[in-house]
Structures are given as C-alpha cells and as structure tokens.
Amino acid sequence: MPHIVIEYSDNLKTDLETAELTKKLHKAVAEFGLFDPDSVKARSLEYSDFVLTGMANSFIHVTVSILSGRTVEQRNALNDMVFKIISQSVPTAEKISSDIREMNAETYKK
C-alpha cells in the first residue's frame, strides 16, 4: 500500500515517458514518509477511447489509493507533490488531475 495508478490518453504517448513517470511517482511516494517504501505499487494505463469537454483532446490523471488513517493535511501534501510531478513531467497534457483515495483498512485484502 499505496497503489499509484496513472491513466492517460494515448495521444500523449509521444510526449510521455510512461516508465520514467511511473518510476518517478513510485520513488516520490515511497520517500514521502507516510508509507513503508516496500509497499508502494505503481502502474500506468493508456486509453484510446475517451471523451473530454471543450477543445481538450488529451489528459492524464493519477489516483493514489491509500489506507485510511492519514490526516487531511497529509493527504493534501501528498496530492500537491503528485500533481506537481505530473504537471512538470507532462506539460503538453491539456487536462491534468490527481486524487488521493482512502481505502478502508478493515476491508482491504492483499
């Protein structure tokens, strides 16, 4: 725990070094200080079928799922770091977003 899932539009493939970004986010979350570094998992998913509003035609979204128990301040600080890394790594993405999701420790299985 945590799980980092990077979702992006396939038209970013030429501008996005997926393996590099996955490793970068994995390292940053592992070193953030809230988690056991050996428990961090990261993966990326490319989408060819998607719909966006307005004139945008590319997106990247990162979800970090963590077990419950962290403060709002800790979750916001983690999300700020994740969003900054995404924005700097993929400046050509027209829609950039990130989310920290809490999973219930009582019902999570591994």
C-alpha atoms as a PDB file:
ATOM      1  CA  MET A   1       0.000   0.000   0.000  1.00  0.00           C
ATOM      2  CA  PRO A   2      -0.360   2.629  -1.540  1.00  0.00           C
ATOM      3  CA  HIS A   3      -1.381   1.969  -5.124  1.00  0.00           C
ATOM      4  CA  ILE A   4      -0.492   4.592  -7.746  1.00  0.00           C
ATOM      5  CA  VAL A   5      -2.492   4.373 -10.983  1.00  0.00           C
ATOM      6  CA  ILE A   6      -1.530   6.650 -13.875  1.00  0.00           C
ATOM      7  CA  GLU A   7      -4.200   6.962 -16.564  1.00  0.00           C
ATOM      8  CA  TYR A   8      -3.510   8.892 -19.764  1.00  0.00           C
ATOM      9  CA  SER A   9      -4.777   9.435 -23.286  1.00  0.00           C
ATOM     10  CA  ASP A  10      -2.912   7.550 -25.981  1.00  0.00           C
ATOM     11  CA  ASN A  11      -2.209  10.762 -27.890  1.00  0.00           C
ATOM     12  CA  LEU A  12       0.264  11.735 -25.146  1.00  0.00           C
ATOM     13  CA  LYS A  13       2.406   8.702 -25.908  1.00  0.00           C
ATOM     14  CA  THR A  14       4.945  10.707 -27.900  1.00  0.00           C
ATOM     15  CA  ASP A  15       5.338  13.277 -25.089  1.00  0.00           C
ATOM     16  CA  LEU A  16       5.116  10.878 -22.160  1.00  0.00           C
ATOM     17  CA  GLU A  17       7.850   8.581 -20.957  1.00  0.00           C
ATOM     18  CA  THR A  18       5.478   6.240 -19.148  1.00  0.00           C
ATOM     19  CA  ALA A  19       8.104   4.050 -17.486  1.00  0.00           C
ATOM     20  CA  GLU A  20      10.039   7.103 -16.313  1.00  0.00           C
ATOM     21  CA  LEU A  21       6.956   8.819 -14.858  1.00  0.00           C
ATOM     22  CA  THR A  22       5.827   5.596 -13.178  1.00  0.00           C
ATOM     23  CA  LYS A  23       9.244   5.196 -11.541  1.00  0.00           C
ATOM     24  CA  LYS A  24       9.377   8.877 -10.588  1.00  0.00           C
ATOM     25  CA  LEU A  25       5.985   8.806  -8.870  1.00  0.00           C
ATOM     26  CA  HIS A  26       6.771   5.480  -7.200  1.00  0.00           C
ATOM     27  CA  LYS A  27      10.020   6.861  -5.783  1.00  0.00           C
ATOM     28  CA  ALA A  28       8.446  10.131  -4.637  1.00  0.00           C
ATOM     29  CA  VAL A  29       5.557   8.418  -2.835  1.00  0.00           C
ATOM     30  CA  ALA A  30       7.889   5.823  -1.300  1.00  0.00           C
ATOM     31  CA  GLU A  31      10.141   8.592   0.030  1.00  0.00           C
ATOM     32  CA  PHE A  32       7.275  10.818   1.195  1.00  0.00           C
ATOM     33  CA  GLY A  33       7.473   9.433   4.716  1.00  0.00           C
ATOM     34  CA  LEU A  34       3.910   8.225   5.237  1.00  0.00           C
ATOM     35  CA  PHE A  35       4.304   4.664   3.975  1.00  0.00           C
ATOM     36  CA  ASP A  36       6.536   1.630   4.115  1.00  0.00           C
ATOM     37  CA  PRO A  37       8.624   2.166   0.956  1.00  0.00           C
ATOM     38  CA  ASP A  38       8.495  -1.559   0.134  1.00  0.00           C
ATOM     39  CA  SER A  39       4.698  -1.487  -0.018  1.00  0.00           C
ATOM     40  CA  VAL A  40       4.294   1.142  -2.773  1.00  0.00           C
ATOM     41  CA  LYS A  41       2.954  -0.136  -6.110  1.00  0.00           C
ATOM     42  CA  ALA A  42       2.662   1.854  -9.342  1.00  0.00           C
ATOM     43  CA  ARG A  43       1.230   1.168 -12.779  1.00  0.00           C
ATOM     44  CA  SER A  44       0.027   3.043 -15.843  1.00  0.00           C
ATOM     45  CA  LEU A  45      -2.916   2.611 -18.176  1.00  0.00           C
ATOM     46  CA  GLU A  46      -3.276   4.056 -21.663  1.00  0.00           C
ATOM     47  CA  TYR A  47      -6.699   4.904 -23.077  1.00  0.00           C
ATOM     48  CA  SER A  48      -7.582   5.134 -26.750  1.00  0.00           C
ATOM     49  CA  ASP A  49     -11.321   5.609 -26.137  1.00  0.00           C
ATOM     50  CA  PHE A  50     -12.205   8.696 -24.100  1.00  0.00           C
ATOM     51  CA  VAL A  51     -14.319  11.856 -24.257  1.00  0.00           C
ATOM     52  CA  LEU A  52     -13.246  15.248 -22.878  1.00  0.00           C
ATOM     53  CA  THR A  53     -15.164  18.504 -22.656  1.00  0.00           C
ATOM     54  CA  GLY A  54     -14.337  21.645 -24.564  1.00  0.00           C
ATOM     55  CA  MET A  55     -11.450  21.754 -27.004  1.00  0.00           C
ATOM     56  CA  ALA A  56      -9.189  19.441 -24.955  1.00  0.00           C
ATOM     57  CA  ASN A  57      -8.039  16.218 -26.559  1.00  0.00           C
ATOM     58  CA  SER A  58      -5.508  14.852 -24.063  1.00  0.00           C
ATOM     59  CA  PHE A  59      -5.493  14.004 -20.382  1.00  0.00           C
ATOM     60  CA  ILE A  60      -3.506  12.479 -17.571  1.00  0.00           C
ATOM     61  CA  HIS A  61      -4.971  11.521 -14.216  1.00  0.00           C
ATOM     62  CA  VAL A  62      -3.207   9.928 -11.253  1.00  0.00           C
ATOM     63  CA  THR A  63      -5.022   8.198  -8.427  1.00  0.00           C
ATOM     64  CA  VAL A  64      -3.151   7.272  -5.276  1.00  0.00           C
ATOM     65  CA  SER A  65      -5.137   4.856  -3.143  1.00  0.00           C
ATOM     66  CA  ILE A  66      -4.017   4.691   0.473  1.00  0.00           C
ATOM     67  CA  LEU A  67      -5.303   3.031   3.607  1.00  0.00           C
ATOM     68  CA  SER A  68      -7.397   5.259   5.843  1.00  0.00           C
ATOM     69  CA  GLY A  69      -5.831   6.976   8.828  1.00  0.00           C
ATOM     70  CA  ARG A  70      -3.880   9.904   7.339  1.00  0.00           C
ATOM     71  CA  THR A  71      -4.878  13.476   8.104  1.00  0.00           C
ATOM     72  CA  VAL A  72      -6.380  15.811   5.513  1.00  0.00           C
ATOM     73  CA  GLU A  73      -3.163  17.828   5.658  1.00  0.00           C
ATOM     74  CA  GLN A  74      -1.050  14.735   4.923  1.00  0.00           C
ATOM     75  CA  ARG A  75      -3.298  13.718   2.033  1.00  0.00           C
ATOM     76  CA  ASN A  76      -3.256  17.254   0.592  1.00  0.00           C
ATOM     77  CA  ALA A  77       0.536  17.445   0.859  1.00  0.00           C
ATOM     78  CA  LEU A  78       0.845  14.092  -0.920  1.00  0.00           C
ATOM     79  CA  ASN A  79      -1.561  15.223  -3.640  1.00  0.00           C
ATOM     80  CA  ASP A  80       0.297  18.530  -4.104  1.00  0.00           C
ATOM     81  CA  MET A  81       3.520  16.610  -4.667  1.00  0.00           C
ATOM     82  CA  VAL A  82       1.902  14.153  -7.099  1.00  0.00           C
ATOM     83  CA  PHE A  83       0.208  16.950  -9.072  1.00  0.00           C
ATOM     84  CA  LYS A  84       3.460  18.910  -9.329  1.00  0.00           C
ATOM     85  CA  ILE A  85       5.324  15.878 -10.673  1.00  0.00           C
ATOM     86  CA  ILE A  86       2.611  15.209 -13.263  1.00  0.00           C
ATOM     87  CA  SER A  87       2.453  18.850 -14.371  1.00  0.00           C
ATOM     88  CA  GLN A  88       6.209  19.091 -14.774  1.00  0.00           C
ATOM     89  CA  SER A  89       6.546  15.704 -16.467  1.00  0.00           C
ATOM     90  CA  VAL A  90       3.692  16.082 -18.974  1.00  0.00           C
ATOM     91  CA  PRO A  91       3.255  19.796 -19.705  1.00  0.00           C
ATOM     92  CA  THR A  92       1.538  19.069 -23.037  1.00  0.00           C
ATOM     93  CA  ALA A  93      -1.434  17.353 -21.351  1.00  0.00           C
ATOM     94  CA  GLU A  94      -4.482  19.568 -21.671  1.00  0.00           C
ATOM     95  CA  LYS A  95      -6.336  18.052 -18.708  1.00  0.00           C
ATOM     96  CA  ILE A  96      -4.247  17.190 -15.646  1.00  0.00           C
ATOM     97  CA  SER A  97      -5.759  15.874 -12.430  1.00  0.00           C
ATOM     98  CA  SER A  98      -4.902  13.793  -9.390  1.00  0.00           C
ATOM     99  CA  ASP A  99      -6.750  12.286  -6.468  1.00  0.00           C
ATOM    100  CA  ILE A 100      -5.863  10.682  -3.162  1.00  0.00           C
ATOM    101  CA  ARG A 101      -8.378   7.999  -2.257  1.00  0.00           C
ATOM    102  CA  GLU A 102      -8.732   6.344   1.082  1.00  0.00           C
ATOM    103  CA  MET A 103      -9.356   2.626   1.239  1.00  0.00           C
ATOM    104  CA  ASN A 104     -10.892   1.087   4.320  1.00  0.00           C
ATOM    105  CA  ALA A 105      -8.166  -0.784   6.237  1.00  0.00           C
ATOM    106  CA  GLU A 106     -10.794  -3.112   7.685  1.00  0.00           C
ATOM    107  CA  THR A 107     -11.930  -4.369   4.276  1.00  0.00           C
ATOM    108  CA  TYR A 108      -8.724  -4.175   2.188  1.00  0.00           C
ATOM    109  CA  LYS A 109      -7.184  -7.561   1.391  1.00  0.00           C
ATOM    110  CA  LYS A 110      -3.789  -8.432  -0.016  1.00  0.00           C
END
